[in-house]
Amino acid sequence: MTMEKAIKVKNVSKKYKLYSGNKERFLDLVTPKSYGKDFYALTNVNFEAEKGDIVGFIGINGSGKSTLSNIIAGILPETTGFVKLNGEAALIAVASGLKGDLTGRDNIELKLLMLGFNKNEIKQLEPEIIEFAELETFIDQPVKSYSSGMKSRLGFAISVNINPDILIIDEALSVGDKAFAEKSLEKMREFKKRGKTMIFVSHSLGQMKEFCEKILWLEYGVVKDYGTTDEVLPKYEQFLKQWKKMSNKERKKYRNDKITENMKQFQSRAFIYGQRRRKW
């Protein structure tokens, strides 16, 4: 039986320019000569997820987990390669897409209007979102006055109530209280039963073991491993034990060596896919 693909990521790279100062940035804009240093946050990333998969993204800080999440969600453009999505994706991250000067209620209405909901649909959804976020007392206060946990709860509540096909959760359960995290996990279990596809970015290996079926291990922008949770997570845990024993100097050398190695592999490829995004 052929499984239905929900996400296809093919040869995706993301390049940024790093400048030593504003002068370099300005000269790069107005002169034909290239200034600044190329930095690849992602290099030739490939992976696929079936409909209903729950995929955990793991990797030490700076490995590109959030960058890849934002590209899949359509918030960031890929530099090269392409992403194909079977359905609409929603990203849940702390304060993602929330306007600080607006109230929580205004943010709900703005987000839903941007997603194409009409006034009647918003009127029906709004009480459910506020109740799920547990923000009844603060919903008419500016979001800039919210704690990280409150912002996360509001973002999560909006995203799960719009019923997306693909849910991308980027560290959104790492802030706030345990009771809300458990309620959120229960909502995610409900989505799983309904065949939703989810990407879960977290430093909590306990949550990964409990919730994810597959693991994508990124290391400085490159896919180190991809497979079942039982296959990949023990390897990553072993790596973390070694990483924690390294001095800061050893970690820096490891990082620089890996980035250099990744760039050599990238540059040796015969061709690069042009930037494009596809949908079924």
C-alpha atoms as a PDB file:
ATOM      1  CA  MET A   1       0.000   0.000   0.000  1.00  0.00           C
ATOM      2  CA  THR A   2       1.433   3.393  -1.051  1.00  0.00           C
ATOM      3  CA  MET A   3       1.408   6.022   1.682  1.00  0.00           C
ATOM      4  CA  GLU A   4       0.306   9.541   0.808  1.00  0.00           C
ATOM      5  CA  LYS A   5       3.082  12.121   1.071  1.00  0.00           C
ATOM      6  CA  ALA A   6       2.360  15.199   3.163  1.00  0.00           C
ATOM      7  CA  ILE A   7       5.753  16.939   2.934  1.00  0.00           C
ATOM      8  CA  LYS A   8       8.581  16.646   0.420  1.00  0.00           C
ATOM      9  CA  VAL A   9      11.769  18.628   0.994  1.00  0.00           C
ATOM     10  CA  LYS A  10      14.255  18.273  -1.872  1.00  0.00           C
ATOM     11  CA  ASN A  11      17.797  19.697  -1.907  1.00  0.00           C
ATOM     12  CA  VAL A  12      16.781  22.690   0.226  1.00  0.00           C
ATOM     13  CA  SER A  13      19.509  25.155   1.156  1.00  0.00           C
ATOM     14  CA  LYS A  14      19.232  28.508   2.901  1.00  0.00           C
ATOM     15  CA  LYS A  15      21.992  31.077   2.455  1.00  0.00           C
ATOM     16  CA  TYR A  16      22.489  34.253   4.459  1.00  0.00           C
ATOM     17  CA  LYS A  17      25.056  36.987   4.054  1.00  0.00           C
ATOM     18  CA  LEU A  18      27.088  37.868   7.169  1.00  0.00           C
ATOM     19  CA  TYR A  19      28.537  41.395   7.247  1.00  0.00           C
ATOM     20  CA  SER A  20      31.192  42.878   9.517  1.00  0.00           C
ATOM     21  CA  GLY A  21      29.267  46.159   9.671  1.00  0.00           C
ATOM     22  CA  ASN A  22      26.703  48.436   8.016  1.00  0.00           C
ATOM     23  CA  LYS A  23      29.291  49.745   5.551  1.00  0.00           C
ATOM     24  CA  GLU A  24      29.794  46.272   4.062  1.00  0.00           C
ATOM     25  CA  ARG A  25      26.034  45.751   3.917  1.00  0.00           C
ATOM     26  CA  PHE A  26      25.568  49.078   2.055  1.00  0.00           C
ATOM     27  CA  LEU A  27      28.408  48.404  -0.403  1.00  0.00           C
ATOM     28  CA  ASP A  28      26.972  44.977  -1.180  1.00  0.00           C
ATOM     29  CA  LEU A  29      23.706  46.646  -2.177  1.00  0.00           C
ATOM     30  CA  VAL A  30      25.100  49.445  -4.361  1.00  0.00           C
ATOM     31  CA  THR A  31      28.228  47.975  -5.983  1.00  0.00           C
ATOM     32  CA  PRO A  32      28.701  44.987  -8.321  1.00  0.00           C
ATOM     33  CA  LYS A  33      31.409  43.557  -6.081  1.00  0.00           C
ATOM     34  CA  SER A  34      30.223  41.017  -3.514  1.00  0.00           C
ATOM     35  CA  TYR A  35      30.758  41.948   0.116  1.00  0.00           C
ATOM     36  CA  GLY A  36      30.093  39.900   3.212  1.00  0.00           C
ATOM     37  CA  LYS A  37      30.529  36.218   3.887  1.00  0.00           C
ATOM     38  CA  ASP A  38      28.109  33.519   2.748  1.00  0.00           C
ATOM     39  CA  PHE A  39      26.631  31.465   5.569  1.00  0.00           C
ATOM     40  CA  TYR A  40      24.499  28.393   4.898  1.00  0.00           C
ATOM     41  CA  ALA A  41      21.940  27.745   7.634  1.00  0.00           C
ATOM     42  CA  LEU A  42      20.776  24.684   5.643  1.00  0.00           C
ATOM     43  CA  THR A  43      22.695  22.693   3.032  1.00  0.00           C
ATOM     44  CA  ASN A  44      20.983  20.232   0.658  1.00  0.00           C
ATOM     45  CA  VAL A  45      18.335  19.061   3.094  1.00  0.00           C
ATOM     46  CA  ASN A  46      16.171  16.154   1.909  1.00  0.00           C
ATOM     47  CA  PHE A  47      13.352  14.395   3.712  1.00  0.00           C
ATOM     48  CA  GLU A  48       9.769  13.260   3.222  1.00  0.00           C
ATOM     49  CA  ALA A  49       6.900  12.804   5.661  1.00  0.00           C
ATOM     50  CA  GLU A  50       3.817  10.682   5.081  1.00  0.00           C
ATOM     51  CA  LYS A  51       0.340  11.936   5.874  1.00  0.00           C
ATOM     52  CA  GLY A  52      -0.222  11.387   9.603  1.00  0.00           C
ATOM     53  CA  ASP A  53       3.490  11.252  10.479  1.00  0.00           C
ATOM     54  CA  ILE A  54       4.778  13.000  13.574  1.00  0.00           C
ATOM     55  CA  VAL A  55       8.376  14.006  12.895  1.00  0.00           C
ATOM     56  CA  GLY A  56      10.693  15.384  15.566  1.00  0.00           C
ATOM     57  CA  PHE A  57      13.465  17.813  14.572  1.00  0.00           C
ATOM     58  CA  ILE A  58      16.516  17.484  16.811  1.00  0.00           C
ATOM     59  CA  GLY A  59      20.013  18.972  16.857  1.00  0.00           C
ATOM     60  CA  ILE A  60      22.157  21.222  18.987  1.00  0.00           C
ATOM     61  CA  ASN A  61      21.627  25.000  18.795  1.00  0.00           C
ATOM     62  CA  GLY A  62      22.477  26.463  15.401  1.00  0.00           C
ATOM     63  CA  SER A  63      21.713  23.299  13.449  1.00  0.00           C
ATOM     64  CA  GLY A  64      18.874  24.832  11.393  1.00  0.00           C
ATOM     65  CA  LYS A  65      15.784  23.311  13.028  1.00  0.00           C
ATOM     66  CA  SER A  66      13.811  26.578  13.203  1.00  0.00           C
ATOM     67  CA  THR A  67      15.044  27.687   9.773  1.00  0.00           C
ATOM     68  CA  LEU A  68      13.745  24.471   8.197  1.00  0.00           C
ATOM     69  CA  SER A  69      10.456  24.783  10.129  1.00  0.00           C
ATOM     70  CA  ASN A  70       9.954  28.326   8.839  1.00  0.00           C
ATOM     71  CA  ILE A  71      10.718  27.285   5.257  1.00  0.00           C
ATOM     72  CA  ILE A  72       8.211  24.416   5.399  1.00  0.00           C
ATOM     73  CA  ALA A  73       5.627  26.817   6.867  1.00  0.00           C
ATOM     74  CA  GLY A  74       6.222  29.243   3.993  1.00  0.00           C
ATOM     75  CA  ILE A  75       7.470  32.030   6.253  1.00  0.00           C
ATOM     76  CA  LEU A  76      11.035  31.943   4.896  1.00  0.00           C
ATOM     77  CA  PRO A  77      11.941  31.305   1.240  1.00  0.00           C
ATOM     78  CA  GLU A  78      14.487  28.603   0.467  1.00  0.00           C
ATOM     79  CA  THR A  79      17.586  29.766  -1.437  1.00  0.00           C
ATOM     80  CA  THR A  80      17.736  26.607  -3.544  1.00  0.00           C
ATOM     81  CA  GLY A  81      15.736  23.400  -3.766  1.00  0.00           C
ATOM     82  CA  PHE A  82      12.000  23.076  -3.283  1.00  0.00           C
ATOM     83  CA  VAL A  83       9.283  22.162  -0.795  1.00  0.00           C
ATOM     84  CA  LYS A  84       6.008  20.437  -1.697  1.00  0.00           C
ATOM     85  CA  LEU A  85       3.126  20.405   0.775  1.00  0.00           C
ATOM     86  CA  ASN A  86      -0.059  18.365   0.584  1.00  0.00           C
ATOM     87  CA  GLY A  87      -2.344  20.836   2.364  1.00  0.00           C
ATOM     88  CA  GLU A  88      -2.036  24.000   4.439  1.00  0.00           C
ATOM     89  CA  ALA A  89       0.622  24.355   7.140  1.00  0.00           C
ATOM     90  CA  ALA A  90       0.446  26.302  10.413  1.00  0.00           C
ATOM     91  CA  LEU A  91       3.513  27.230  12.465  1.00  0.00           C
ATOM     92  CA  ILE A  92       3.287  27.466  16.235  1.00  0.00           C
ATOM     93  CA  ALA A  93       6.261  29.230  17.817  1.00  0.00           C
ATOM     94  CA  VAL A  94       6.552  31.598  20.766  1.00  0.00           C
ATOM     95  CA  ALA A  95       5.057  34.931  19.629  1.00  0.00           C
ATOM     96  CA  SER A  96       5.070  33.786  15.996  1.00  0.00           C
ATOM     97  CA  GLY A  97       3.068  36.274  13.940  1.00  0.00           C
ATOM     98  CA  LEU A  98       1.701  38.122  16.983  1.00  0.00           C
ATOM     99  CA  LYS A  99       1.611  41.936  16.945  1.00  0.00           C
ATOM    100  CA  GLY A 100       2.762  43.326  20.302  1.00  0.00           C
ATOM    101  CA  ASP A 101       0.803  46.578  20.155  1.00  0.00           C
ATOM    102  CA  LEU A 102      -2.488  44.782  19.491  1.00  0.00           C
ATOM    103  CA  THR A 103      -4.563  43.002  22.117  1.00  0.00           C
ATOM    104  CA  GLY A 104      -4.888  39.233  22.195  1.00  0.00           C
ATOM    105  CA  ARG A 105      -8.401  39.512  20.761  1.00  0.00           C
ATOM    106  CA  ASP A 106      -7.223  41.820  17.960  1.00  0.00           C
ATOM    107  CA  ASN A 107      -4.425  39.356  17.142  1.00  0.00           C
ATOM    108  CA  ILE A 108      -6.931  36.516  16.865  1.00  0.00           C
ATOM    109  CA  GLU A 109      -9.121  38.518  14.492  1.00  0.00           C
ATOM    110  CA  LEU A 110      -6.171  39.729  12.394  1.00  0.00           C
ATOM    111  CA  LYS A 111      -4.668  36.242  12.085  1.00  0.00           C
ATOM    112  CA  LEU A 112      -7.986  34.689  11.078  1.00  0.00           C
ATOM    113  CA  LEU A 113      -8.734  37.461   8.558  1.00  0.00           C
ATOM    114  CA  MET A 114      -5.314  36.904   6.981  1.00  0.00           C
ATOM    115  CA  LEU A 115      -6.128  33.192   6.719  1.00  0.00           C
ATOM    116  CA  GLY A 116      -9.348  33.926   4.831  1.00  0.00           C
ATOM    117  CA  PHE A 117     -11.953  33.465   7.582  1.00  0.00           C
ATOM    118  CA  ASN A 118     -15.039  35.692   7.364  1.00  0.00           C
ATOM    119  CA  LYS A 119     -16.559  37.733  10.206  1.00  0.00           C
ATOM    120  CA  ASN A 120     -19.118  35.058  11.169  1.00  0.00           C
ATOM    121  CA  GLU A 121     -16.486  32.299  11.256  1.00  0.00           C
ATOM    122  CA  ILE A 122     -14.221  34.478  13.411  1.00  0.00           C
ATOM    123  CA  LYS A 123     -17.118  35.194  15.796  1.00  0.00           C
ATOM    124  CA  GLN A 124     -17.654  31.439  16.226  1.00  0.00           C
ATOM    125  CA  LEU A 125     -13.965  30.551  16.628  1.00  0.00           C
ATOM    126  CA  GLU A 126     -12.919  33.398  18.914  1.00  0.00           C
ATOM    127  CA  PRO A 127     -14.474  32.092  22.187  1.00  0.00           C
ATOM    128  CA  GLU A 128     -12.985  28.621  21.597  1.00  0.00           C
ATOM    129  CA  ILE A 129      -9.514  30.094  21.024  1.00  0.00           C
ATOM    130  CA  ILE A 130      -9.701  32.313  24.114  1.00  0.00           C
ATOM    131  CA  GLU A 131     -10.936  29.419  26.269  1.00  0.00           C
ATOM    132  CA  PHE A 132      -8.227  27.046  25.029  1.00  0.00           C
ATOM    133  CA  ALA A 133      -5.512  29.668  25.588  1.00  0.00           C
ATOM    134  CA  GLU A 134      -6.775  30.279  29.151  1.00  0.00           C
ATOM    135  CA  LEU A 135      -6.415  34.038  28.623  1.00  0.00           C
ATOM    136  CA  GLU A 136      -9.915  35.258  29.471  1.00  0.00           C
ATOM    137  CA  THR A 137      -8.598  37.843  31.980  1.00  0.00           C
ATOM    138  CA  PHE A 138      -5.863  39.161  29.678  1.00  0.00           C
ATOM    139  CA  ILE A 139      -7.359  38.799  26.206  1.00  0.00           C
ATOM    140  CA  ASP A 140      -8.034  42.549  25.866  1.00  0.00           C
ATOM    141  CA  GLN A 141      -4.542  43.550  27.019  1.00  0.00           C
ATOM    142  CA  PRO A 142      -1.696  44.311  24.554  1.00  0.00           C
ATOM    143  CA  VAL A 143       0.279  41.188  23.661  1.00  0.00           C
ATOM    144  CA  LYS A 144       3.547  43.019  24.455  1.00  0.00           C
ATOM    145  CA  SER A 145       2.520  42.795  28.120  1.00  0.00           C
ATOM    146  CA  TYR A 146       2.149  38.982  27.930  1.00  0.00           C
ATOM    147  CA  SER A 147       4.682  36.552  29.339  1.00  0.00           C
ATOM    148  CA  SER A 148       6.380  34.064  26.979  1.00  0.00           C
ATOM    149  CA  GLY A 149       4.012  31.379  28.213  1.00  0.00           C
ATOM    150  CA  MET A 150       0.927  33.491  27.507  1.00  0.00           C
ATOM    151  CA  LYS A 151       2.137  34.314  23.975  1.00  0.00           C
ATOM    152  CA  SER A 152       2.827  30.664  23.351  1.00  0.00           C
ATOM    153  CA  ARG A 153      -0.627  29.647  24.601  1.00  0.00           C
ATOM    154  CA  LEU A 154      -2.320  32.229  22.350  1.00  0.00           C
ATOM    155  CA  GLY A 155      -0.294  31.173  19.291  1.00  0.00           C
ATOM    156  CA  PHE A 156      -0.992  27.497  19.956  1.00  0.00           C
ATOM    157  CA  ALA A 157      -4.708  28.097  20.511  1.00  0.00           C
ATOM    158  CA  ILE A 158      -5.086  30.037  17.249  1.00  0.00           C
ATOM    159  CA  SER A 159      -3.189  27.463  15.203  1.00  0.00           C
ATOM    160  CA  VAL A 160      -4.932  24.342  16.478  1.00  0.00           C
ATOM    161  CA  ASN A 161      -8.392  25.866  16.141  1.00  0.00           C
ATOM    162  CA  ILE A 162      -7.954  26.797  12.467  1.00  0.00           C
ATOM    163  CA  ASN A 163      -7.661  23.058  11.754  1.00  0.00           C
ATOM    164  CA  PRO A 164      -4.500  22.970   9.565  1.00  0.00           C
ATOM    165  CA  ASP A 165      -3.444  19.894   7.563  1.00  0.00           C
ATOM    166  CA  ILE A 166       0.178  20.207   8.726  1.00  0.00           C
ATOM    167  CA  LEU A 167       1.059  21.484  12.188  1.00  0.00           C
ATOM    168  CA  ILE A 168       4.601  22.732  12.903  1.00  0.00           C
ATOM    169  CA  ILE A 169       5.357  23.208  16.610  1.00  0.00           C
ATOM    170  CA  ASP A 170       8.657  24.983  17.277  1.00  0.00           C
ATOM    171  CA  GLU A 171       9.543  24.951  20.988  1.00  0.00           C
ATOM    172  CA  ALA A 172       6.035  26.228  21.745  1.00  0.00           C
ATOM    173  CA  LEU A 173       5.586  23.742  24.593  1.00  0.00           C
ATOM    174  CA  SER A 174       8.896  24.626  26.263  1.00  0.00           C
ATOM    175  CA  VAL A 175       7.407  27.688  27.968  1.00  0.00           C
ATOM    176  CA  GLY A 176       4.438  27.959  30.288  1.00  0.00           C
ATOM    177  CA  ASP A 177       3.071  25.502  32.814  1.00  0.00           C
ATOM    178  CA  LYS A 178       3.019  21.720  32.641  1.00  0.00           C
ATOM    179  CA  ALA A 179      -0.778  21.573  32.717  1.00  0.00           C
ATOM    180  CA  PHE A 180      -1.074  23.569  29.491  1.00  0.00           C
ATOM    181  CA  ALA A 181       1.727  21.547  27.875  1.00  0.00           C
ATOM    182  CA  GLU A 182      -0.196  18.349  28.668  1.00  0.00           C
ATOM    183  CA  LYS A 183      -3.426  19.836  27.283  1.00  0.00           C
ATOM    184  CA  SER A 184      -1.541  20.804  24.132  1.00  0.00           C
ATOM    185  CA  LEU A 185      -0.068  17.314  23.786  1.00  0.00           C
ATOM    186  CA  GLU A 186      -3.560  15.880  24.161  1.00  0.00           C
ATOM    187  CA  LYS A 187      -4.756  18.149  21.343  1.00  0.00           C
ATOM    188  CA  MET A 188      -1.848  16.931  19.232  1.00  0.00           C
ATOM    189  CA  ARG A 189      -2.803  13.302  19.974  1.00  0.00           C
ATOM    190  CA  GLU A 190      -6.315  14.138  18.783  1.00  0.00           C
ATOM    191  CA  PHE A 191      -4.848  15.587  15.579  1.00  0.00           C
ATOM    192  CA  LYS A 192      -2.805  12.418  15.116  1.00  0.00           C
ATOM    193  CA  LYS A 193      -5.948  10.285  15.296  1.00  0.00           C
ATOM    194  CA  ARG A 194      -7.487  12.502  12.640  1.00  0.00           C
ATOM    195  CA  GLY A 195      -4.527  11.889  10.315  1.00  0.00           C
ATOM    196  CA  LYS A 196      -2.866  15.292  10.667  1.00  0.00           C
ATOM    197  CA  THR A 197       0.833  15.589   9.918  1.00  0.00           C
ATOM    198  CA  MET A 198       3.001  17.233  12.562  1.00  0.00           C
ATOM    199  CA  ILE A 199       6.547  18.501  12.912  1.00  0.00           C
ATOM    200  CA  PHE A 200       7.731  18.843  16.476  1.00  0.00           C
ATOM    201  CA  VAL A 201      10.834  20.920  17.340  1.00  0.00           C
ATOM    202  CA  SER A 202      11.928  20.526  20.938  1.00  0.00           C
ATOM    203  CA  HIS A 203      14.949  20.050  23.187  1.00  0.00           C
ATOM    204  CA  SER A 204      12.840  17.720  25.338  1.00  0.00           C
ATOM    205  CA  LEU A 205      13.921  14.208  24.369  1.00  0.00           C
ATOM    206  CA  GLY A 206      11.239  12.878  26.728  1.00  0.00           C
ATOM    207  CA  GLN A 207       8.525  14.549  24.637  1.00  0.00           C
ATOM    208  CA  MET A 208      10.192  13.249  21.472  1.00  0.00           C
ATOM    209  CA  LYS A 209      10.136   9.656  22.771  1.00  0.00           C
ATOM    210  CA  GLU A 210       6.548   9.940  23.936  1.00  0.00           C
ATOM    211  CA  PHE A 211       5.131  11.660  20.895  1.00  0.00           C
ATOM    212  CA  CYS A 212       7.220  11.314  17.715  1.00  0.00           C
ATOM    213  CA  GLU A 213       7.351   8.365  15.340  1.00  0.00           C
ATOM    214  CA  LYS A 214      10.232   9.649  13.219  1.00  0.00           C
ATOM    215  CA  ILE A 215      13.256  11.826  13.949  1.00  0.00           C
ATOM    216  CA  LEU A 216      15.163  14.196  11.640  1.00  0.00           C
ATOM    217  CA  TRP A 217      18.591  14.945  13.115  1.00  0.00           C
ATOM    218  CA  LEU A 218      20.125  18.161  11.775  1.00  0.00           C
ATOM    219  CA  GLU A 219      23.763  19.020  12.380  1.00  0.00           C
ATOM    220  CA  TYR A 220      24.855  22.516  11.340  1.00  0.00           C
ATOM    221  CA  GLY A 221      22.389  22.634   8.482  1.00  0.00           C
ATOM    222  CA  VAL A 222      22.863  19.102   7.150  1.00  0.00           C
ATOM    223  CA  VAL A 223      20.733  15.986   7.707  1.00  0.00           C
ATOM    224  CA  LYS A 224      22.810  13.769   9.982  1.00  0.00           C
ATOM    225  CA  ASP A 225      20.171  11.028  10.201  1.00  0.00           C
ATOM    226  CA  TYR A 226      16.500  10.387   9.502  1.00  0.00           C
ATOM    227  CA  GLY A 227      14.504   7.371  10.590  1.00  0.00           C
ATOM    228  CA  THR A 228      12.291   5.979  13.307  1.00  0.00           C
ATOM    229  CA  THR A 229      12.513   7.385  16.827  1.00  0.00           C
ATOM    230  CA  ASP A 230      13.897   4.075  18.105  1.00  0.00           C
ATOM    231  CA  GLU A 231      16.644   4.150  15.471  1.00  0.00           C
ATOM    232  CA  VAL A 232      17.777   7.775  15.609  1.00  0.00           C
ATOM    233  CA  LEU A 233      17.211   9.057  19.152  1.00  0.00           C
ATOM    234  CA  PRO A 234      19.667   6.651  20.880  1.00  0.00           C
ATOM    235  CA  LYS A 235      22.405   7.801  18.462  1.00  0.00           C
ATOM    236  CA  TYR A 236      21.636  11.438  19.261  1.00  0.00           C
ATOM    237  CA  GLU A 237      21.642  10.759  23.004  1.00  0.00           C
ATOM    238  CA  GLN A 238      25.079   9.150  22.645  1.00  0.00           C
ATOM    239  CA  PHE A 239      26.290  12.187  20.700  1.00  0.00           C
ATOM    240  CA  LEU A 240      24.972  14.542  23.413  1.00  0.00           C
ATOM    241  CA  LYS A 241      26.984  12.679  26.057  1.00  0.00           C
ATOM    242  CA  GLN A 242      30.143  13.309  24.030  1.00  0.00           C
ATOM    243  CA  TRP A 243      29.139  16.915  23.298  1.00  0.00           C
ATOM    244  CA  LYS A 244      28.662  17.713  26.977  1.00  0.00           C
ATOM    245  CA  LYS A 245      32.168  16.461  27.742  1.00  0.00           C
ATOM    246  CA  MET A 246      33.751  18.798  25.160  1.00  0.00           C
ATOM    247  CA  SER A 247      35.366  22.071  26.197  1.00  0.00           C
ATOM    248  CA  ASN A 248      34.216  25.301  24.514  1.00  0.00           C
ATOM    249  CA  LYS A 249      37.359  25.197  22.361  1.00  0.00           C
ATOM    250  CA  GLU A 250      36.645  21.606  21.274  1.00  0.00           C
ATOM    251  CA  ARG A 251      33.015  22.471  20.479  1.00  0.00           C
ATOM    252  CA  LYS A 252      34.090  25.445  18.364  1.00  0.00           C
ATOM    253  CA  LYS A 253      36.575  23.285  16.421  1.00  0.00           C
ATOM    254  CA  TYR A 254      33.935  20.574  15.919  1.00  0.00           C
ATOM    255  CA  ARG A 255      31.485  23.178  14.626  1.00  0.00           C
ATOM    256  CA  ASN A 256      33.984  24.801  12.243  1.00  0.00           C
ATOM    257  CA  ASP A 257      35.155  21.417  10.921  1.00  0.00           C
ATOM    258  CA  LYS A 258      31.584  20.299  10.260  1.00  0.00           C
ATOM    259  CA  ILE A 259      30.590  23.551   8.538  1.00  0.00           C
ATOM    260  CA  THR A 260      33.705  23.367   6.304  1.00  0.00           C
ATOM    261  CA  GLU A 261      32.959  19.723   5.479  1.00  0.00           C
ATOM    262  CA  ASN A 262      29.322  20.545   4.672  1.00  0.00           C
ATOM    263  CA  MET A 263      30.302  23.396   2.344  1.00  0.00           C
ATOM    264  CA  LYS A 264      32.766  21.201   0.444  1.00  0.00           C
ATOM    265  CA  GLN A 265      30.034  18.630  -0.133  1.00  0.00           C
ATOM    266  CA  PHE A 266      27.630  21.347  -1.237  1.00  0.00           C
ATOM    267  CA  GLN A 267      30.074  22.911  -3.697  1.00  0.00           C
ATOM    268  CA  SER A 268      30.961  19.525  -5.221  1.00  0.00           C
ATOM    269  CA  ARG A 269      27.427  18.944  -6.490  1.00  0.00           C
ATOM    270  CA  ALA A 270      27.016  19.164 -10.258  1.00  0.00           C
ATOM    271  CA  PHE A 271      23.839  21.213 -10.178  1.00  0.00           C
ATOM    272  CA  ILE A 272      21.623  23.211  -7.852  1.00  0.00           C
ATOM    273  CA  TYR A 273      17.856  23.278  -7.947  1.00  0.00           C
ATOM    274  CA  GLY A 274      16.417  26.758  -8.503  1.00  0.00           C
ATOM    275  CA  GLN A 275      14.172  28.256  -5.881  1.00  0.00           C
ATOM    276  CA  ARG A 276      10.577  27.168  -6.281  1.00  0.00           C
ATOM    277  CA  ARG A 277       7.677  26.073  -4.141  1.00  0.00           C
ATOM    278  CA  ARG A 278       5.117  23.521  -5.285  1.00  0.00           C
ATOM    279  CA  LYS A 279       1.740  22.375  -4.048  1.00  0.00           C
ATOM    280  CA  TRP A 280      -0.367  19.436  -5.030  1.00  0.00           C
END
